[in-house]
Amino acid sequence: MTTRYTVACDDGQARAVAVLARRYGITEEEVLKQLIDLGLEDVEERIV
């Protein structure tokens, strides 16, 4: 099952996401997914 979320970014964050998407030839949605995955991995490592 997939859950959809809405993320509100300030202008600087939105620009950074757009830059990453262009740099790596992926969508802004994919950038956000990858950033969330990395953040969750980091949190999990800190908890253990």
Protein backbone atom coordinates (compact mmCIF):
# COMPACT_ATOMS: atom_id res chain seq x y z
CA MET A 1 0.00 0.00 0.00
CA THR A 2 1.26 3.47 -0.85
CA THR A 3 0.70 6.52 1.31
CA ARG A 4 0.97 9.98 -0.21
CA TYR A 5 2.25 12.98 1.72
CA THR A 6 2.41 16.66 0.90
CA VAL A 7 5.61 18.52 1.67
CA ALA A 8 5.82 22.30 1.95
CA CYS A 9 9.29 23.70 1.18
CA ASP A 10 10.53 27.24 1.49
CA ASP A 11 11.98 28.89 -1.62
CA GLY A 12 15.57 27.89 -0.80
CA GLN A 13 14.68 24.27 -0.23
CA ALA A 14 12.61 24.16 -3.44
CA ARG A 15 15.54 25.59 -5.41
CA ALA A 16 17.91 23.02 -3.89
CA VAL A 17 15.53 20.17 -4.81
CA ALA A 18 15.21 21.50 -8.38
CA VAL A 19 19.00 21.81 -8.71
CA LEU A 20 19.51 18.22 -7.55
CA ALA A 21 16.82 16.97 -9.93
CA ARG A 22 18.46 18.71 -12.89
CA ARG A 23 21.96 17.63 -11.88
CA TYR A 24 21.05 13.96 -11.69
CA GLY A 25 18.39 13.89 -14.41
CA ILE A 26 15.61 12.74 -12.09
CA THR A 27 12.29 14.21 -11.01
CA GLU A 28 11.88 16.47 -8.02
CA GLU A 29 9.63 13.78 -6.53
CA GLU A 30 12.48 11.26 -6.79
CA VAL A 31 14.87 13.73 -5.14
CA LEU A 32 12.46 14.09 -2.22
CA LYS A 33 12.03 10.30 -1.92
CA GLN A 34 15.79 9.83 -1.81
CA LEU A 35 16.26 12.59 0.75
CA ILE A 36 13.60 11.05 2.98
CA ASP A 37 15.21 7.61 2.65
CA LEU A 38 18.63 9.01 3.56
CA GLY A 39 17.19 10.90 6.51
CA LEU A 40 15.37 7.84 7.82
CA GLU A 41 18.51 5.71 7.48
CA ASP A 42 20.46 8.33 9.43
CA VAL A 43 17.88 8.40 12.21
CA GLU A 44 17.81 4.59 12.42
CA GLU A 45 21.62 4.47 12.69
CA ARG A 46 21.57 7.00 15.53
CA ILE A 47 18.92 5.08 17.47
CA VAL A 48 20.79 1.76 17.43
